[in-house]
Protein backbone atom coordinates (compact mmCIF):
# COMPACT_ATOMS: atom_id res chain seq x y z
CA MET A 1 97.72 57.41 173.58
CA ILE A 2 99.78 56.74 176.72
CA ASN A 3 98.19 54.49 179.29
CA ARG A 4 98.67 56.54 182.43
CA SER A 5 98.01 53.64 184.76
CA ASN A 6 100.79 51.56 183.21
CA TRP A 7 103.07 54.60 183.16
CA ARG A 8 102.61 55.14 186.89
CA LYS A 9 103.14 51.46 187.68
CA THR A 10 106.33 51.43 185.62
CA LEU A 11 107.57 54.54 187.42
CA GLU A 12 106.77 52.94 190.78
CA ALA A 13 108.66 49.78 189.79
CA ILE A 14 111.72 51.95 189.05
CA CYS A 15 111.58 54.47 191.89
CA ILE A 16 111.09 52.09 194.81
CA PRO A 17 114.08 49.80 194.06
CA VAL A 18 116.28 52.81 193.24
CA GLY A 19 115.17 54.50 196.45
CA ALA A 20 115.88 51.31 198.39
CA VAL A 21 119.43 51.20 197.02
CA LEU A 22 119.96 54.86 197.96
CA VAL A 23 118.78 54.15 201.50
CA ALA A 24 121.17 51.19 201.64
CA LEU A 25 123.99 53.50 200.52
CA ILE A 26 123.20 55.89 203.35
CA ILE A 27 123.13 53.11 205.94
CA PHE A 28 126.36 51.66 204.56
CA GLY A 29 127.94 55.11 204.75
CA ILE A 30 127.00 55.33 208.42
CA PHE A 31 128.53 51.88 208.95
CA CYS A 32 131.77 53.00 207.29
CA ALA A 33 131.89 56.15 209.44
CA VAL A 34 131.38 54.10 212.60
CA VAL A 35 134.34 51.83 211.78
CA GLY A 36 136.53 54.86 211.07
CA ALA A 37 136.46 55.14 207.26
CA ASN A 38 135.42 58.15 205.20
CA PRO A 39 132.14 57.12 203.48
CA PHE A 40 132.71 59.36 200.45
CA ALA A 41 136.25 58.02 200.02
CA VAL A 42 134.88 54.48 200.24
CA TYR A 43 132.26 55.19 197.57
CA GLY A 44 134.96 56.76 195.40
CA SER A 45 137.14 53.67 195.76
CA ILE A 46 134.23 51.38 194.88
CA TYR A 47 133.55 53.37 191.73
CA LYS A 48 137.22 53.45 190.78
CA ALA A 49 137.66 49.71 191.30
CA ALA A 50 134.44 48.83 189.49
CA PHE A 51 134.07 51.31 186.64
CA GLY A 52 137.04 53.68 186.74
CA ARG A 53 138.90 52.25 183.74
CA TRP A 54 138.63 49.48 181.16
CA SER A 55 140.53 46.93 183.29
CA ALA A 56 138.10 47.66 186.14
CA TRP A 57 135.15 47.17 183.80
CA GLN A 58 136.56 43.81 182.78
CA ARG A 59 136.81 42.67 186.41
CA THR A 60 133.25 43.85 186.98
CA LEU A 61 131.89 41.98 183.96
CA ILE A 62 133.72 38.81 185.00
CA GLN A 63 132.03 39.04 188.41
CA ALA A 64 128.66 39.79 186.77
CA SER A 65 128.72 36.73 184.49
CA PRO A 66 127.70 34.08 187.08
CA LEU A 67 125.31 36.56 188.72
CA LEU A 68 123.38 36.93 185.46
CA LEU A 69 122.77 33.21 185.21
CA SER A 70 122.23 32.44 188.88
CA ALA A 71 119.70 35.29 189.20
CA LEU A 72 117.46 33.61 186.62
CA CYS A 73 117.14 30.69 189.04
CA THR A 74 115.00 32.98 191.20
CA VAL A 75 113.52 35.17 188.45
CA LEU A 76 111.79 32.44 186.44
CA PRO A 77 109.99 30.64 189.32
CA ALA A 78 108.91 34.02 190.72
CA ARG A 79 106.72 34.53 187.65
CA LEU A 80 104.92 31.37 188.71
CA GLY A 81 104.54 32.64 192.28
CA LEU A 82 107.40 30.51 193.68
CA VAL A 83 110.25 31.79 195.84
CA ILE A 84 113.27 29.66 194.96
CA ILE A 85 116.57 30.37 196.74
CA GLY A 86 118.44 27.21 195.81
CA ASN A 87 120.70 29.09 193.38
CA GLU A 88 123.94 28.18 195.16
CA GLY A 89 123.13 24.48 195.20
CA ALA A 90 122.14 24.44 191.53
CA LEU A 91 125.35 26.29 190.62
CA VAL A 92 127.46 23.78 192.56
CA MET A 93 125.65 20.84 190.97
CA GLY A 94 126.09 22.41 187.55
CA GLY A 95 129.81 22.67 188.17
CA LEU A 96 129.93 19.01 189.18
CA GLY A 97 127.95 17.95 186.12
CA ALA A 98 130.23 19.96 183.85
CA ILE A 99 133.46 18.54 185.28
CA ILE A 100 132.13 14.97 185.10
CA VAL A 101 131.27 15.37 181.41
CA GLY A 102 134.47 17.25 180.65
CA LEU A 103 136.72 14.66 182.26
CA SER A 104 134.76 11.77 180.73
CA LEU A 105 135.06 13.13 177.18
CA GLY A 106 138.65 14.27 177.61
CA GLU A 107 140.21 15.01 174.23
CA SER A 108 138.23 12.38 172.33
CA LEU A 109 136.06 15.02 170.65
CA SER A 110 136.59 18.51 169.33
CA PRO A 111 136.80 21.25 172.01
CA LEU A 112 133.51 22.76 170.84
CA LEU A 113 131.64 19.47 171.25
CA VAL A 114 133.20 18.93 174.67
CA GLN A 115 132.15 22.43 175.77
CA ILE A 116 128.61 21.83 174.50
CA GLY A 117 128.54 18.54 176.39
CA MET A 118 129.77 20.27 179.55
CA ALA A 119 127.10 22.95 179.18
CA MET A 120 124.39 20.30 178.75
CA GLY A 121 125.73 18.36 181.74
CA GLY A 122 125.79 21.47 183.92
CA MET A 123 122.29 22.50 182.85
CA LEU A 124 120.94 18.98 183.42
CA PHE A 125 122.41 18.66 186.91
CA GLY A 126 121.30 22.15 187.96
CA GLY A 127 117.88 21.80 186.36
CA VAL A 128 117.09 18.49 188.06
CA TRP A 129 118.26 19.90 191.39
CA ILE A 130 115.73 22.75 191.36
CA ALA A 131 113.05 20.61 189.71
CA ILE A 132 113.18 18.50 192.89
CA ALA A 133 112.05 21.55 194.88
CA GLY A 134 109.30 22.23 192.32
CA ALA A 135 108.07 18.63 192.46
CA LEU A 136 108.05 18.67 196.27
CA ARG A 137 106.03 21.87 196.16
CA HIS A 138 103.41 20.60 193.74
CA TYR A 139 103.02 16.97 194.77
CA ARG A 140 103.68 17.16 198.52
CA ALA A 141 102.96 20.85 199.31
CA VAL A 142 106.50 21.28 200.71
CA ASN A 143 107.45 24.96 200.93
CA GLU A 144 109.76 25.56 197.96
CA THR A 145 111.76 28.25 199.75
CA ILE A 146 112.76 25.94 202.60
CA SER A 147 113.34 22.89 200.39
CA SER A 148 115.51 24.80 197.90
CA LEU A 149 117.49 26.34 200.77
CA LEU A 150 118.16 22.91 202.29
CA LEU A 151 119.14 21.56 198.88
CA ASN A 152 121.96 24.12 198.90
CA TYR A 153 123.56 22.42 201.89
CA ILE A 154 123.11 18.97 200.38
CA ALA A 155 124.78 20.08 197.14
CA ILE A 156 127.72 21.65 199.00
CA ALA A 157 128.15 18.52 201.13
CA LEU A 158 128.09 16.37 197.99
CA LEU A 159 130.71 18.62 196.37
CA ASN A 160 132.98 18.32 199.40
CA HIS A 161 132.56 14.56 199.50
CA LEU A 162 133.43 14.08 195.83
CA VAL A 163 136.39 16.45 195.62
CA GLU A 164 137.88 15.06 198.84
CA GLY A 165 137.16 11.46 197.90
CA PRO A 166 136.29 9.67 194.65
CA MET A 167 137.07 12.58 192.28
CA ARG A 168 140.09 14.03 194.07
CA ASP A 169 143.27 14.75 192.16
CA PRO A 170 146.11 13.37 194.35
CA SER A 171 148.30 16.31 193.38
CA SER A 172 145.85 18.82 194.93
CA LEU A 173 147.31 18.82 198.43
CA ASN A 174 146.41 22.15 200.07
CA LYS A 175 143.09 22.62 198.28
CA PRO A 176 141.33 19.36 197.35
CA SER A 177 140.11 19.50 193.75
CA THR A 178 139.07 17.26 190.92
CA PHE A 179 141.38 16.42 188.08
CA PRO A 180 141.79 19.49 185.82
CA LEU A 181 140.14 19.93 182.46
CA ALA A 182 142.32 19.68 179.40
CA GLU A 183 143.43 23.20 178.54
CA ILE A 184 142.05 22.88 175.04
CA ASN A 185 138.54 22.21 176.41
CA ARG A 186 138.37 25.32 178.58
CA LEU A 187 136.28 28.35 177.62
CA GLY A 188 138.41 31.12 176.20
CA ASP A 189 138.16 34.88 176.50
CA ILE A 190 136.35 37.27 174.20
CA PRO A 191 139.03 38.48 171.76
CA GLY A 192 140.83 41.59 172.95
CA THR A 193 139.59 41.26 176.55
CA ARG A 194 140.04 39.21 179.70
CA ILE A 195 136.28 38.58 179.83
CA HIS A 196 135.30 34.97 179.24
CA TYR A 197 132.39 33.87 177.08
CA GLY A 198 130.26 33.21 180.14
CA LEU A 199 129.17 36.85 179.96
CA LEU A 200 127.62 36.23 176.52
CA TYR A 201 125.92 33.10 177.85
CA GLY A 202 124.37 35.16 180.64
CA LEU A 203 123.16 37.95 178.34
CA ILE A 204 121.67 35.48 175.87
CA ALA A 205 119.96 33.59 178.71
CA CYS A 206 118.38 36.82 180.02
CA ILE A 207 117.03 37.69 176.57
CA VAL A 208 115.70 34.17 175.99
CA ALA A 209 114.08 34.15 179.45
CA TYR A 210 112.35 37.47 178.73
CA ILE A 211 111.00 36.23 175.39
CA LEU A 212 109.88 32.95 176.95
CA ILE A 213 107.99 34.61 179.82
CA GLU A 214 106.63 37.71 178.11
CA ARG A 215 106.17 36.71 174.47
CA THR A 216 105.06 33.06 174.38
CA THR A 217 101.96 31.08 175.20
CA PHE A 218 103.97 29.07 177.73
CA GLY A 219 105.00 32.27 179.51
CA PHE A 220 101.41 33.53 179.52
CA ALA A 221 100.26 30.26 181.10
CA ALA A 222 103.00 30.53 183.73
CA ARG A 223 102.09 34.13 184.58
CA THR A 224 98.40 33.18 184.76
CA ALA A 225 99.14 30.34 187.17
CA GLY A 226 101.35 32.66 189.20
CA GLY A 227 98.55 35.22 189.46
CA ASN A 228 95.91 32.78 190.70
CA ILE A 229 96.83 29.12 190.80
CA ARG A 230 93.29 28.02 191.70
CA ALA A 231 91.80 29.86 188.73
CA ALA A 232 94.50 28.36 186.50
CA GLN A 233 93.57 24.85 187.64
CA ILE A 234 89.90 25.53 187.02
CA ALA A 235 90.78 26.81 183.54
CA GLY A 236 92.55 23.52 182.85
CA LEU A 237 96.15 24.72 182.84
CA PRO A 238 98.70 21.98 183.67
CA VAL A 239 100.01 23.67 186.82
CA GLY A 240 102.14 20.70 187.87
CA LYS A 241 103.86 20.47 184.50
CA LEU A 242 104.40 24.23 184.44
CA THR A 243 105.92 24.15 187.92
CA ILE A 244 108.42 21.43 187.14
CA ILE A 245 109.38 22.84 183.73
CA ILE A 246 109.90 26.36 185.09
CA CYS A 247 111.94 25.05 188.01
CA PHE A 248 114.03 22.89 185.67
CA LEU A 249 114.74 25.86 183.38
CA ALA A 250 115.58 28.02 186.39
CA GLY A 251 118.00 25.45 187.79
CA SER A 252 119.57 24.90 184.37
CA CYS A 253 120.52 28.59 184.23
CA ALA A 254 122.30 28.36 187.59
CA GLY A 255 123.83 25.06 186.48
CA LEU A 256 125.20 26.79 183.39
CA ALA A 257 126.78 29.36 185.72
CA GLY A 258 128.54 26.48 187.50
CA MET A 259 129.76 25.14 184.16
CA VAL A 260 131.16 28.57 183.27
CA GLU A 261 133.00 28.79 186.59
CA VAL A 262 134.56 25.38 186.01
CA ALA A 263 135.35 25.73 182.31
CA ALA A 264 136.35 29.40 182.19
CA VAL A 265 137.65 30.38 185.64
CA HIS A 266 138.95 27.47 187.73
CA GLY A 267 139.47 24.59 185.32
CA VAL A 268 138.59 22.21 188.19
CA ALA A 269 135.74 21.68 190.61
CA ASN A 270 136.52 22.50 194.23
CA GLU A 271 135.25 24.61 197.11
CA SER A 272 135.73 27.73 194.95
CA LEU A 273 132.38 26.90 193.37
CA ASN A 274 130.78 27.76 196.70
CA VAL A 275 131.75 31.45 196.95
CA GLY A 276 128.29 33.04 197.10
CA TYR A 277 127.40 33.75 193.47
CA GLY A 278 124.16 31.86 193.97
CA TYR A 279 123.18 33.95 196.99
CA GLY A 280 124.21 37.10 195.11
CA GLY A 281 121.89 36.03 192.31
CA ILE A 282 118.96 36.08 194.75
CA LEU A 283 119.73 39.72 195.54
CA VAL A 284 120.00 40.56 191.84
CA ALA A 285 116.61 38.94 191.16
CA PHE A 286 114.83 40.89 193.90
CA VAL A 287 116.39 44.24 193.03
CA ALA A 288 115.50 43.67 189.36
CA ARG A 289 111.89 42.94 190.39
CA HIS A 290 112.14 39.54 188.67
CA ASN A 291 112.55 41.15 185.25
CA PRO A 292 115.03 39.15 183.11
CA LEU A 293 116.23 42.20 181.19
CA ALA A 294 116.67 44.37 184.29
CA THR A 295 118.67 41.50 185.76
CA ALA A 296 121.57 42.33 183.43
CA LEU A 297 121.86 45.91 184.69
CA VAL A 298 121.61 44.94 188.36
CA ALA A 299 124.12 42.09 187.94
CA VAL A 300 126.69 44.48 186.49
CA SER A 301 126.15 46.89 189.40
CA LEU A 302 126.55 44.14 191.99
CA GLY A 303 129.50 42.72 190.08
CA GLY A 304 131.21 46.09 190.43
CA ILE A 305 130.65 46.07 194.17
CA LEU A 306 132.07 42.56 194.49
CA ALA A 307 135.08 43.51 192.37
CA SER A 308 135.92 46.36 194.75
CA GLY A 309 136.49 44.23 197.86
CA GLY A 310 140.26 44.19 197.47
CA ILE A 311 140.70 47.95 197.15
CA LEU A 312 138.58 48.57 200.27
CA GLN A 313 140.94 46.33 202.20
CA ARG A 314 144.10 47.96 200.83
CA SER A 315 143.05 51.61 200.80
CA HIS A 316 140.74 51.88 203.82
CA SER A 317 141.82 48.97 206.05
CA LEU A 318 138.33 47.52 205.80
CA PRO A 319 137.79 43.76 205.80
CA ASP A 320 137.34 42.18 202.38
CA ALA A 321 133.89 41.04 203.58
CA THR A 322 132.76 44.67 203.80
CA VAL A 323 131.17 44.31 200.38
CA LEU A 324 129.07 41.46 201.80
CA VAL A 325 127.81 43.85 204.49
CA PHE A 326 126.72 46.24 201.77
CA GLN A 327 125.15 43.38 199.82
CA GLY A 328 123.18 42.30 202.88
CA LEU A 329 122.00 45.85 203.57
CA VAL A 330 120.74 46.20 200.01
CA PHE A 331 118.88 42.91 200.27
CA LEU A 332 117.16 43.83 203.54
CA VAL A 333 116.16 47.31 202.35
CA VAL A 334 114.87 45.99 199.02
CA LEU A 335 112.78 43.37 200.84
CA TYR A 336 111.32 46.13 203.00
CA GLY A 337 110.71 48.20 199.87
CA ASP A 338 108.41 45.46 198.56
CA SER A 339 105.93 46.40 201.29
CA LEU A 340 105.74 49.97 199.96
CA TYR A 341 104.15 49.15 196.62
CA GLY A 342 100.70 50.68 196.41
CA ARG A 343 101.32 52.94 199.43
CA PHE A 344 102.16 56.20 197.60
CA PRO A 345 99.19 58.14 196.15
CA PHE A 346 101.32 59.58 193.33
CA PHE A 347 101.76 56.13 191.80
CA GLN A 348 98.06 55.31 192.00
CA GLU A 349 95.82 55.49 188.98
CA LYS A 350 93.93 58.76 188.73
CA ILE A 351 90.24 58.17 188.29
CA ASP A 352 88.75 60.76 185.99
CA SER A 353 85.50 62.34 187.06
CA VAL A 354 82.46 60.84 185.40
CA LYS A 355 81.26 62.97 182.55
CA LYS A 356 77.68 64.05 182.90
CA PHE A 357 75.61 63.74 179.78
CA PRO A 358 72.31 65.66 179.37
CA LYS A 359 69.29 63.52 179.81
CA LYS A 360 67.17 63.00 176.75
CA SER A 361 63.88 64.77 176.95
CA LEU A 362 60.89 62.52 177.01
CA GLN A 363 58.65 62.92 174.04
């Protein structure tokens, strides 16, 4: 038998985000018309650049790879009732951790072992970075949203200091960077494509996150604490340990995204790590309603939008940052959409009328 209440809640969780995106499309179309571009032509160009052919799909999936991992930095703590937006900082720290390990190991080990070491270094650096916000929240009642946001700026400042100082390659004149990774230690592409293995890392991470949160005792404890932290404490759940572990796992996902950017895309650590994938991951997490599996679909959609920035500039004389305008509109509308849950009668549970049973006759 179908549980109608769950069916209606599921439908509500789908319709409201989809409706929010449609509203954002309308507003973005008005914006395009105001600046002198044909909205329908702009939408057509976005589709063509993102999904029109196999080469476009490859660009989209390359853009989606870091979004998959950075989004989990917000998705996982949200199940515990925390709003973490330190994705960009954790990604940057993960990139730094990966390049430090990669340069330290050099060619002394096999490429596979070096890549594993870089992944562990990136995950450790990113995990510790977000665990700091979790520890501040639990032990000192510091708002995790503000602390994780400020940690972004600290991470970016640390990156700039290192790549322009102690870790700078003297040959990087115009764009200060670290020494490059050995070519043999870089992540390769999936055979037959231009898509690097970071996409597989992201997909696997989303599946593992879903299983961890929805199918394990640890995930049940985290969701219980997120629903009512006071009740969880009374029940004896280790809320502090849960908070730090969840935040560490969340940061490690974003840190792995930084490792992928270093090992598969740039080959060095420089300001290119700070291009907004972490902030894009926040948008992906909110649109996906903090569902790890839905994150994959939303990340691909946003990756397509980001991949279309160049064609909007060439074909419609729009600034390359136009896609960031669209991204911001989606984020604002989705945030507003969160206030609409429970407002529509159609999505509410229908209470069946109480059946009347005949009274038993008194003997």
